[in-house]
Protein backbone atom coordinates (compact mmCIF):
# COMPACT_ATOMS: atom_id res chain seq x y z
CA UNK A 1 187.91 -114.48 239.05
CA UNK A 2 185.86 -115.34 235.96
CA UNK A 3 183.11 -117.84 236.52
CA UNK A 4 183.07 -120.94 234.32
CA UNK A 5 179.79 -119.90 232.60
CA UNK A 6 181.17 -116.39 231.94
CA UNK A 7 184.35 -117.91 230.52
CA UNK A 8 182.30 -120.16 228.19
CA UNK A 9 180.24 -117.18 226.96
CA UNK A 10 183.38 -115.12 226.41
CA UNK A 11 184.91 -117.94 224.33
CA UNK A 12 181.76 -118.14 222.20
CA UNK A 13 181.82 -114.40 221.62
CA UNK A 14 185.48 -114.50 220.65
CA UNK A 15 184.79 -117.37 218.25
CA UNK A 16 181.85 -115.42 216.78
CA UNK A 17 184.00 -112.29 216.36
CA UNK A 18 186.60 -114.41 214.58
CA UNK A 19 183.92 -115.64 212.17
CA UNK A 20 182.94 -112.05 211.38
CA UNK A 21 186.56 -111.08 210.71
CA UNK A 22 187.11 -114.12 208.50
CA UNK A 23 183.86 -113.53 206.60
CA UNK A 24 184.78 -109.90 205.99
CA UNK A 25 188.24 -110.92 204.76
CA UNK A 26 186.70 -113.46 202.35
CA UNK A 27 184.19 -110.91 201.06
CA UNK A 28 187.01 -108.49 200.29
CA UNK A 29 188.97 -111.25 198.55
CA UNK A 30 185.96 -112.17 196.40
CA UNK A 31 185.34 -108.55 195.47
CA UNK A 32 189.01 -108.15 194.59
CA UNK A 33 188.86 -111.09 192.18
CA UNK A 34 185.64 -109.68 190.67
CA UNK A 35 187.20 -106.29 189.96
CA UNK A 36 190.72 -107.46 189.14
CA UNK A 37 189.60 -109.83 186.42
CA UNK A 38 186.87 -107.63 184.95
CA UNK A 39 186.97 -107.92 181.18
CA UNK A 40 189.09 -111.08 181.24
CA UNK A 41 188.18 -114.72 180.83
CA UNK A 42 188.55 -116.56 184.07
CA UNK A 43 188.52 -120.22 184.98
CA UNK A 44 185.65 -122.06 186.57
CA UNK A 45 187.75 -122.25 189.74
CA UNK A 46 188.18 -118.48 189.94
CA UNK A 47 184.50 -117.95 189.24
CA UNK A 48 183.54 -120.36 192.05
CA UNK A 49 186.10 -118.75 194.35
CA UNK A 50 184.69 -115.32 193.61
CA UNK A 51 181.11 -116.46 194.07
CA UNK A 52 181.82 -118.44 197.26
CA UNK A 53 183.16 -115.29 198.74
CA UNK A 54 181.75 -111.80 198.20
CA UNK A 55 178.27 -111.53 199.79
CA UNK A 56 178.23 -115.31 200.29
CA UNK A 57 181.06 -115.05 202.77
CA UNK A 58 179.05 -112.66 204.92
CA UNK A 59 175.98 -114.88 204.72
CA UNK A 60 178.08 -117.83 205.80
CA UNK A 61 179.61 -115.84 208.66
CA UNK A 62 176.16 -114.73 209.81
CA UNK A 63 174.80 -118.26 209.92
CA UNK A 64 177.89 -119.58 211.70
CA UNK A 65 177.82 -116.72 214.20
CA UNK A 66 174.20 -117.46 215.06
CA UNK A 67 174.95 -121.15 215.48
CA UNK A 68 178.03 -120.48 217.61
CA UNK A 69 176.30 -118.02 219.93
CA UNK A 70 173.35 -120.40 220.29
CA UNK A 71 175.77 -123.06 221.52
CA UNK A 72 175.13 -125.42 218.59
CA UNK A 73 177.04 -128.69 218.45
CA UNK A 74 179.93 -129.09 215.98
CA UNK A 75 177.72 -131.40 213.91
CA UNK A 76 175.00 -128.73 213.69
CA UNK A 77 177.55 -126.03 212.88
CA UNK A 78 178.89 -128.21 210.06
CA UNK A 79 175.39 -128.75 208.60
CA UNK A 80 174.55 -125.09 208.91
CA UNK A 81 177.87 -124.15 207.31
CA UNK A 82 177.05 -126.33 204.31
CA UNK A 83 173.61 -124.70 204.17
CA UNK A 84 175.15 -121.24 204.36
CA UNK A 85 177.71 -121.98 201.62
CA UNK A 86 174.87 -123.11 199.36
CA UNK A 87 172.68 -120.07 199.95
CA UNK A 88 175.68 -117.77 199.65
CA UNK A 89 176.40 -119.23 196.22
CA UNK A 90 172.70 -119.09 195.37
CA UNK A 91 172.67 -115.41 196.26
CA UNK A 92 175.52 -114.70 193.82
CA UNK A 93 174.01 -116.82 191.02
CA UNK A 94 170.65 -115.05 191.46
CA UNK A 95 172.51 -111.73 191.29
CA UNK A 96 174.01 -112.82 187.98
CA UNK A 97 170.61 -113.84 186.66
CA UNK A 98 168.99 -110.57 187.75
CA UNK A 99 171.75 -108.67 185.99
CA UNK A 100 170.67 -110.36 182.78
CA UNK A 101 166.85 -110.52 183.07
CA UNK A 102 165.88 -108.45 186.09
CA UNK A 103 163.69 -105.34 186.11
CA UNK A 104 165.95 -102.29 186.06
CA UNK A 105 163.46 -100.36 188.19
CA UNK A 106 163.60 -103.00 190.87
CA UNK A 107 167.30 -103.94 190.82
CA UNK A 108 168.45 -100.36 190.48
CA UNK A 109 171.02 -100.92 187.76
CA UNK A 110 170.94 -101.46 184.01
CA UNK A 111 170.09 -104.96 182.93
CA UNK A 112 173.01 -106.51 181.04
CA UNK A 113 175.51 -104.22 182.78
CA UNK A 114 177.74 -107.07 183.95
CA UNK A 115 178.00 -108.40 180.40
CA UNK A 116 178.77 -104.91 179.00
CA UNK A 117 181.50 -104.46 181.62
CA UNK A 118 183.01 -107.80 180.64
CA UNK A 119 182.39 -109.40 184.00
CA UNK A 120 182.49 -113.16 184.17
CA UNK A 121 179.33 -114.37 185.82
CA UNK A 122 177.53 -117.71 186.00
CA UNK A 123 175.33 -116.46 183.13
CA UNK A 124 178.16 -115.33 180.90
CA UNK A 125 180.18 -118.48 181.61
CA UNK A 126 177.42 -121.11 181.43
CA UNK A 127 174.37 -119.46 179.95
CA UNK A 128 171.10 -118.38 181.51
CA UNK A 129 169.46 -121.81 181.58
CA UNK A 130 172.40 -123.53 183.26
CA UNK A 131 172.68 -120.67 185.76
CA UNK A 132 168.96 -121.04 186.58
CA UNK A 133 169.29 -124.82 186.86
CA UNK A 134 172.30 -124.46 189.14
CA UNK A 135 170.40 -121.98 191.31
CA UNK A 136 167.56 -124.48 191.67
CA UNK A 137 169.94 -127.34 192.51
CA UNK A 138 172.01 -125.34 194.97
CA UNK A 139 168.85 -124.21 196.79
CA UNK A 140 167.61 -127.80 197.05
CA UNK A 141 171.01 -128.84 198.44
CA UNK A 142 170.74 -126.07 201.04
CA UNK A 143 167.24 -127.14 202.03
CA UNK A 144 168.44 -130.72 202.37
CA UNK A 145 170.81 -129.61 205.16
CA UNK A 146 167.80 -128.40 207.18
CA UNK A 147 165.52 -131.43 207.03
CA UNK A 148 166.20 -132.70 210.52
CA UNK A 149 165.46 -129.31 212.10
CA UNK A 150 161.78 -129.44 211.09
CA UNK A 151 159.93 -126.32 212.39
CA UNK A 152 163.12 -125.04 214.03
CA UNK A 153 164.62 -124.60 210.55
CA UNK A 154 161.62 -122.78 209.08
CA UNK A 155 163.25 -119.34 209.05
CA UNK A 156 166.33 -120.71 207.29
CA UNK A 157 164.13 -122.56 204.74
CA UNK A 158 162.28 -119.33 204.03
CA UNK A 159 165.56 -117.48 203.71
CA UNK A 160 166.87 -119.94 201.13
CA UNK A 161 163.64 -119.67 199.09
CA UNK A 162 163.68 -115.88 199.32
CA UNK A 163 167.26 -115.79 198.00
CA UNK A 164 166.36 -118.10 195.13
CA UNK A 165 163.28 -116.09 194.12
CA UNK A 166 164.33 -112.51 194.98
CA UNK A 167 163.77 -109.77 192.44
CA UNK A 168 166.22 -107.30 193.93
């Protein structure tokens, strides 16, 4: 017979595994849109869909998995989900910016490659300045979700700032 505590832990693990499967599915969907529409003009909705998935889906899944396994309340999971969605989008926008102005030696691919391949990115759709402004705003929105966690949210704050400022 399974003890109540063991049953609770098993349910949390199953829920976490479901998050991983869902995040992986979303990442694949985002990558599909990215490659399928290469060289074509896409709508703002498709661009946001693509950017909210891809690597951002795995970031979101990771944050949710940590919260679930830690036994966080639904309210905390919701706040952390909003945070994760913001930093996932920030990651993709920063990727687009680095593709335009990054250091090839650091990023490991030719600068301007996305533009040459005809990929629609935040930079090609809105321009470099608006992409940088959006990155700043999205990061601030992510940090706003962490305010009540004070020192307990320090790692997540540092992660958001790292994503915003990364060079690779």
